[in-house]
Amino acid sequence: MKKKTHAAAKHPLSAIDTILLHEQESVLKLRQILANLQEKYKVSSLEILESIKKEIVIPVSVFTRQLTVLETIVKYLKEQKNYSYHQIAFLLDRDEKNIWHAYFHAQKKRSKRLTENASKYFVPVSIFRNTPVSILEALVVYLKEHYGLSYHEIAVLVKRDDRTIWTVYHRAKIKT
C-alpha cells in the first residue's frame, strides 16, 4: 500500500514563509513602509533592508575600569564610529543632554581614545533601548544569557568586581 503524498509534504514551507503567512497584516504594513521610504528617499527596498540588517555592535574589549559603561559606549560611538550626540541618543533611547554629559565626563576621565583590542564578544547597541534595566544590567544580562559566560568571566571582560556582576545580574532579573 502506497502512502499518499500531500503537496505540502513535497514542498514544505520554510520557517520564514510560515512566519510571513501568520503575520500577513504586519507584512502588509512593512511593505507599505518600504514603499513610502523608497518614494520619499529614492532608494531601493534592498538598500533599506540591507541598512536595517546592519546591527551596530560594541566590542567588549573597549570597557575600562576608569569609565562607566554608559560613558564607554558613548565615547566608543562618538570617537570610533563618528556618531553625533543626536544619533547616539536615538540609538540608546536616551536624552541627548545625558549623552553629551556622559561624553564630557568620559573625556575628563580619559582623554585618549579607547583601545579596541581583538574581541570575540560583541554587544549590539539595541540591547540598551527600551529596557527597564540600567545600561550595566543590560550588558551583564546579555553576556550571561547570550554567551553563557560565568560571573567571573563577565567581571574580567567589563573590568568590574565579581560580586558587582553577581549583584547586577540578580537585580536585573528581579526587574524583568
Protein backbone atom coordinates (compact mmCIF):
# COMPACT_ATOMS: atom_id res chain seq x y z
CA MET A 1 0.00 0.00 0.00
CA LYS A 2 1.42 3.32 -1.07
CA LYS A 3 1.17 6.35 1.16
CA LYS A 4 -0.49 9.34 -0.39
CA THR A 5 1.87 12.25 -0.59
CA HIS A 6 0.44 15.59 0.20
CA ALA A 7 1.54 18.51 -1.98
CA ALA A 8 2.72 20.38 1.12
CA ALA A 9 4.92 17.43 2.07
CA LYS A 10 6.74 17.72 -1.25
CA HIS A 11 7.28 21.45 -0.80
CA PRO A 12 7.13 22.31 2.88
CA LEU A 13 7.04 25.97 3.82
CA SER A 14 10.30 27.39 5.04
CA ALA A 15 10.37 28.82 8.56
CA ILE A 16 10.29 32.37 7.22
CA ASP A 17 7.37 31.56 4.88
CA THR A 18 5.42 30.19 7.84
CA ILE A 19 6.09 33.31 9.88
CA LEU A 20 5.11 35.57 6.99
CA LEU A 21 1.91 33.58 6.47
CA HIS A 22 0.93 34.07 10.12
CA GLU A 23 1.94 37.74 10.16
CA GLN A 24 0.26 38.88 6.94
CA GLU A 25 -1.04 42.13 8.43
CA SER A 26 2.43 43.08 9.67
CA VAL A 27 3.95 42.15 6.31
CA LEU A 28 1.47 44.41 4.51
CA LYS A 29 2.33 47.30 6.86
CA LEU A 30 6.05 46.68 6.32
CA ARG A 31 5.60 46.68 2.54
CA GLN A 32 3.75 50.00 2.78
CA ILE A 33 6.55 51.48 4.94
CA LEU A 34 9.17 50.26 2.45
CA ALA A 35 7.22 51.76 -0.45
CA ASN A 36 6.94 55.10 1.38
CA LEU A 37 10.67 55.14 2.15
CA GLN A 38 11.53 54.22 -1.44
CA GLU A 39 9.40 57.04 -2.80
CA LYS A 40 10.48 59.65 -0.26
CA TYR A 41 14.24 58.96 -0.32
CA LYS A 42 14.60 57.44 -3.80
CA VAL A 43 16.29 54.26 -2.55
CA SER A 44 15.63 50.63 -3.35
CA SER A 45 13.95 48.27 -0.90
CA LEU A 46 17.14 46.20 -0.97
CA GLU A 47 19.17 49.21 0.22
CA ILE A 48 16.68 49.82 3.02
CA LEU A 49 16.68 46.18 4.13
CA GLU A 50 20.48 45.99 4.00
CA SER A 51 20.81 49.01 6.28
CA ILE A 52 18.23 47.55 8.69
CA LYS A 53 20.19 44.30 8.82
CA LYS A 54 23.36 46.04 9.95
CA GLU A 55 23.46 45.83 13.71
CA ILE A 56 25.70 48.30 15.46
CA VAL A 57 27.88 46.36 17.87
CA ILE A 58 30.39 47.29 20.53
CA PRO A 59 33.40 45.07 21.20
CA VAL A 60 33.55 44.10 24.87
CA SER A 61 37.30 44.79 24.84
CA VAL A 62 36.68 48.57 24.96
CA PHE A 63 35.32 48.60 28.51
CA THR A 64 37.62 50.10 31.11
CA ARG A 65 37.64 50.43 34.87
CA GLN A 66 38.02 54.22 34.55
CA LEU A 67 34.71 54.82 32.79
CA THR A 68 31.14 53.81 33.47
CA VAL A 69 29.51 51.51 30.94
CA LEU A 70 27.43 54.39 29.53
CA GLU A 71 30.50 56.62 29.25
CA THR A 72 32.38 53.85 27.45
CA ILE A 73 29.55 53.21 24.99
CA VAL A 74 29.07 56.91 24.24
CA LYS A 75 32.83 57.51 23.87
CA TYR A 76 33.15 54.49 21.55
CA LEU A 77 30.20 55.52 19.36
CA LYS A 78 31.36 59.15 19.24
CA GLU A 79 35.05 58.58 18.55
CA GLN A 80 35.33 55.23 16.78
CA LYS A 81 32.03 55.29 14.89
CA ASN A 82 31.76 59.08 14.43
CA TYR A 83 28.13 59.30 15.52
CA SER A 84 26.65 62.60 16.62
CA TYR A 85 25.17 63.10 20.08
CA HIS A 86 21.75 63.05 18.49
CA GLN A 87 22.39 59.72 16.75
CA ILE A 88 23.80 58.16 19.92
CA ALA A 89 20.81 59.41 21.92
CA PHE A 90 18.49 57.82 19.38
CA LEU A 91 20.41 54.51 19.36
CA LEU A 92 20.41 54.27 23.15
CA ASP A 93 16.94 55.76 23.62
CA ARG A 94 18.35 58.38 25.99
CA ASP A 95 18.12 62.15 26.25
CA GLU A 96 20.66 63.97 24.08
CA LYS A 97 21.79 66.09 27.04
CA ASN A 98 22.59 62.94 29.02
CA ILE A 99 24.65 61.63 26.12
CA TRP A 100 26.59 64.88 25.89
CA HIS A 101 27.10 64.82 29.66
CA ALA A 102 28.35 61.20 29.58
CA TYR A 103 30.82 62.04 26.80
CA PHE A 104 32.00 65.18 28.62
CA HIS A 105 32.72 63.17 31.79
CA ALA A 106 34.37 60.39 29.79
CA GLN A 107 36.69 62.94 28.17
CA LYS A 108 37.62 64.37 31.57
CA LYS A 109 38.41 60.91 32.94
CA ARG A 110 40.15 59.58 29.82
CA SER A 111 41.07 61.93 27.01
CA LYS A 112 42.75 59.34 24.79
CA ARG A 113 40.75 57.05 22.51
CA LEU A 114 39.52 53.70 23.77
CA THR A 115 41.71 50.75 22.89
CA GLU A 116 39.85 48.35 20.65
CA ASN A 117 41.63 45.02 21.07
CA ALA A 118 40.63 41.88 19.20
CA SER A 119 37.48 40.66 20.88
CA LYS A 120 35.41 37.55 20.43
CA TYR A 121 32.47 39.11 22.27
CA PHE A 122 30.36 41.89 20.83
CA VAL A 123 27.29 43.57 22.25
CA PRO A 124 24.57 45.01 19.99
CA VAL A 125 23.62 48.58 20.85
CA SER A 126 19.95 47.61 20.54
CA ILE A 127 20.03 45.80 23.92
CA PHE A 128 20.22 49.17 25.66
CA ARG A 129 16.98 50.51 24.13
CA ASN A 130 13.56 50.38 25.77
CA THR A 131 14.63 48.33 28.73
CA PRO A 132 13.57 48.58 32.37
CA VAL A 133 17.13 47.82 33.49
CA SER A 134 20.23 50.00 33.67
CA ILE A 135 22.93 50.02 30.99
CA LEU A 136 25.24 47.86 33.14
CA GLU A 137 22.41 45.45 33.93
CA ALA A 138 21.52 45.10 30.25
CA LEU A 139 25.17 44.43 29.40
CA VAL A 140 25.62 41.80 32.12
CA VAL A 141 22.34 40.03 31.30
CA TYR A 142 23.26 39.93 27.60
CA LEU A 143 26.74 38.50 28.24
CA LYS A 144 25.38 35.95 30.72
CA GLU A 145 22.41 34.77 28.69
CA HIS A 146 23.65 35.16 25.12
CA TYR A 147 27.21 33.89 25.53
CA GLY A 148 26.67 31.77 28.66
CA LEU A 149 29.59 33.40 30.46
CA SER A 150 30.22 32.96 34.17
CA TYR A 151 30.05 35.92 36.54
CA HIS A 152 33.84 35.86 36.80
CA GLU A 153 34.32 35.87 33.01
CA ILE A 154 31.95 38.82 32.68
CA ALA A 155 33.73 40.64 35.52
CA VAL A 156 37.07 40.21 33.77
CA LEU A 157 35.67 41.37 30.41
CA VAL A 158 33.99 44.52 31.73
CA LYS A 159 36.67 45.13 34.35
CA ARG A 160 34.41 45.04 37.39
CA ASP A 161 34.37 43.02 40.61
CA ASP A 162 32.80 39.53 40.51
CA ARG A 163 30.43 40.43 43.34
CA THR A 164 29.28 43.52 41.47
CA ILE A 165 28.44 41.42 38.41
CA TRP A 166 26.52 38.87 40.50
CA THR A 167 24.54 41.65 42.22
CA VAL A 168 23.83 43.49 38.96
CA TYR A 169 22.61 40.31 37.26
CA HIS A 170 20.28 39.38 40.09
CA ARG A 171 18.84 42.90 40.34
CA ALA A 172 18.19 42.87 36.61
CA LYS A 173 16.38 39.53 36.84
CA ILE A 174 14.13 40.94 39.58
CA LYS A 175 13.25 43.93 37.37
CA THR A 176 12.36 41.81 34.34
